Amino acid sequence: MRIYDLNGRFNCSGLRIRQRRTELDLSQEQLAAKLQLAGLDITQKAISRIETGLRVVADFEIPFFADALGVSPLWLLEREDNE
């Protein structure tokens, strides 16, 4: 599998995940707990790596993040301007 580097980042949603998480005043640990309760096995460290662009976000993870953050999957993927 080829992993693409988008200007030094391995995902396009990490910056939006961080933006929305901070708007909601959630820590990475709190977001991880929310995602775990929804059924996604993820840690605070993985969220940190996603937000800094060091980890790929799998397609099946996008809906979990969207639901937890109250945004659309397309917004996370930078295909929509508004939440």
C-alpha atoms as a PDB file:
ATOM      1  CA  MET A   1       0.000   0.000   0.000  1.00  0.00           C
ATOM      2  CA  ARG A   2       1.311   3.423  -0.934  1.00  0.00           C
ATOM      3  CA  ILE A   3       0.949   6.109   1.722  1.00  0.00           C
ATOM      4  CA  TYR A   4       0.852   9.603   0.316  1.00  0.00           C
ATOM      5  CA  ASP A   5       2.544  12.512   1.977  1.00  0.00           C
ATOM      6  CA  LEU A   6       0.400  15.660   1.766  1.00  0.00           C
ATOM      7  CA  ASN A   7       2.863  18.473   2.488  1.00  0.00           C
ATOM      8  CA  GLY A   8       4.479  16.580   5.336  1.00  0.00           C
ATOM      9  CA  ARG A   9       1.211  15.108   6.628  1.00  0.00           C
ATOM     10  CA  PHE A  10      -0.223  11.621   6.241  1.00  0.00           C
ATOM     11  CA  ASN A  11      -3.870  12.684   6.517  1.00  0.00           C
ATOM     12  CA  CYS A  12      -6.079  15.608   5.566  1.00  0.00           C
ATOM     13  CA  SER A  13      -8.391  15.467   8.581  1.00  0.00           C
ATOM     14  CA  GLY A  14      -6.009  15.893  11.523  1.00  0.00           C
ATOM     15  CA  LEU A  15      -6.072  19.680  11.524  1.00  0.00           C
ATOM     16  CA  ARG A  16      -9.875  19.727  11.439  1.00  0.00           C
ATOM     17  CA  ILE A  17     -10.053  17.119  14.203  1.00  0.00           C
ATOM     18  CA  ARG A  18      -7.814  19.327  16.381  1.00  0.00           C
ATOM     19  CA  GLN A  19      -9.779  22.464  15.457  1.00  0.00           C
ATOM     20  CA  ARG A  20     -13.139  20.991  16.404  1.00  0.00           C
ATOM     21  CA  ARG A  21     -11.791  19.226  19.506  1.00  0.00           C
ATOM     22  CA  THR A  22     -10.445  22.517  20.856  1.00  0.00           C
ATOM     23  CA  GLU A  23     -13.687  24.331  19.966  1.00  0.00           C
ATOM     24  CA  LEU A  24     -15.521  21.759  22.093  1.00  0.00           C
ATOM     25  CA  ASP A  25     -12.931  22.181  24.871  1.00  0.00           C
ATOM     26  CA  LEU A  26     -12.088  18.472  24.822  1.00  0.00           C
ATOM     27  CA  SER A  27      -8.680  17.088  25.672  1.00  0.00           C
ATOM     28  CA  GLN A  28      -7.209  14.373  23.486  1.00  0.00           C
ATOM     29  CA  GLU A  29      -7.809  11.952  26.359  1.00  0.00           C
ATOM     30  CA  GLN A  30     -11.479  12.957  26.570  1.00  0.00           C
ATOM     31  CA  LEU A  31     -11.907  12.531  22.822  1.00  0.00           C
ATOM     32  CA  ALA A  32     -10.241   9.105  22.990  1.00  0.00           C
ATOM     33  CA  ALA A  33     -12.640   8.081  25.776  1.00  0.00           C
ATOM     34  CA  LYS A  34     -15.624   9.294  23.739  1.00  0.00           C
ATOM     35  CA  LEU A  35     -14.456   7.328  20.705  1.00  0.00           C
ATOM     36  CA  GLN A  36     -13.796   4.218  22.799  1.00  0.00           C
ATOM     37  CA  LEU A  37     -17.326   4.359  24.213  1.00  0.00           C
ATOM     38  CA  ALA A  38     -18.623   4.529  20.635  1.00  0.00           C
ATOM     39  CA  GLY A  39     -16.671   1.385  19.746  1.00  0.00           C
ATOM     40  CA  LEU A  40     -13.430   2.691  18.217  1.00  0.00           C
ATOM     41  CA  ASP A  41     -10.329   1.323  19.930  1.00  0.00           C
ATOM     42  CA  ILE A  42      -8.050   4.370  19.903  1.00  0.00           C
ATOM     43  CA  THR A  43      -5.683   6.002  22.377  1.00  0.00           C
ATOM     44  CA  GLN A  44      -4.744   9.575  23.222  1.00  0.00           C
ATOM     45  CA  LYS A  45      -1.350   8.967  21.604  1.00  0.00           C
ATOM     46  CA  ALA A  46      -3.019   7.917  18.332  1.00  0.00           C
ATOM     47  CA  ILE A  47      -5.127  11.092  18.377  1.00  0.00           C
ATOM     48  CA  SER A  48      -1.997  13.147  18.934  1.00  0.00           C
ATOM     49  CA  ARG A  49      -0.340  11.468  15.955  1.00  0.00           C
ATOM     50  CA  ILE A  50      -3.440  12.053  13.803  1.00  0.00           C
ATOM     51  CA  GLU A  51      -3.582  15.741  14.728  1.00  0.00           C
ATOM     52  CA  THR A  52       0.099  16.246  13.943  1.00  0.00           C
ATOM     53  CA  GLY A  53      -0.239  14.370  10.657  1.00  0.00           C
ATOM     54  CA  LEU A  54       2.020  11.497  11.646  1.00  0.00           C
ATOM     55  CA  ARG A  55      -0.725   8.840  11.448  1.00  0.00           C
ATOM     56  CA  VAL A  56      -3.093   7.872   8.673  1.00  0.00           C
ATOM     57  CA  VAL A  57      -6.819   8.052   9.479  1.00  0.00           C
ATOM     58  CA  ALA A  58      -8.516   4.909   8.204  1.00  0.00           C
ATOM     59  CA  ASP A  59     -11.731   5.347   6.268  1.00  0.00           C
ATOM     60  CA  PHE A  60     -13.737   3.438   8.884  1.00  0.00           C
ATOM     61  CA  GLU A  61     -12.521   5.857  11.592  1.00  0.00           C
ATOM     62  CA  ILE A  62     -13.874   9.001   9.913  1.00  0.00           C
ATOM     63  CA  PRO A  63     -17.549   8.417  10.880  1.00  0.00           C
ATOM     64  CA  PHE A  64     -16.534   7.807  14.516  1.00  0.00           C
ATOM     65  CA  PHE A  65     -14.632  11.102  14.628  1.00  0.00           C
ATOM     66  CA  ALA A  66     -17.454  12.952  12.845  1.00  0.00           C
ATOM     67  CA  ASP A  67     -20.071  11.689  15.311  1.00  0.00           C
ATOM     68  CA  ALA A  68     -17.904  12.364  18.364  1.00  0.00           C
ATOM     69  CA  LEU A  69     -17.134  15.900  17.188  1.00  0.00           C
ATOM     70  CA  GLY A  70     -20.615  16.731  15.845  1.00  0.00           C
ATOM     71  CA  VAL A  71     -19.479  17.454  12.290  1.00  0.00           C
ATOM     72  CA  SER A  72     -19.967  15.811   8.920  1.00  0.00           C
ATOM     73  CA  PRO A  73     -17.432  13.344   7.542  1.00  0.00           C
ATOM     74  CA  LEU A  74     -17.039  15.596   4.497  1.00  0.00           C
ATOM     75  CA  TRP A  75     -16.065  18.521   6.710  1.00  0.00           C
ATOM     76  CA  LEU A  76     -13.343  16.390   8.305  1.00  0.00           C
ATOM     77  CA  LEU A  77     -12.101  15.517   4.821  1.00  0.00           C
ATOM     78  CA  GLU A  78     -11.959  19.217   3.856  1.00  0.00           C
ATOM     79  CA  ARG A  79     -14.752  18.828   1.294  1.00  0.00           C
ATOM     80  CA  GLU A  80     -17.125  21.196   3.095  1.00  0.00           C
ATOM     81  CA  ASP A  81     -16.389  24.634   4.473  1.00  0.00           C
ATOM     82  CA  ASN A  82     -19.012  24.755   7.226  1.00  0.00           C
ATOM     83  CA  GLU A  83     -19.514  22.352  10.098  1.00  0.00           C
END
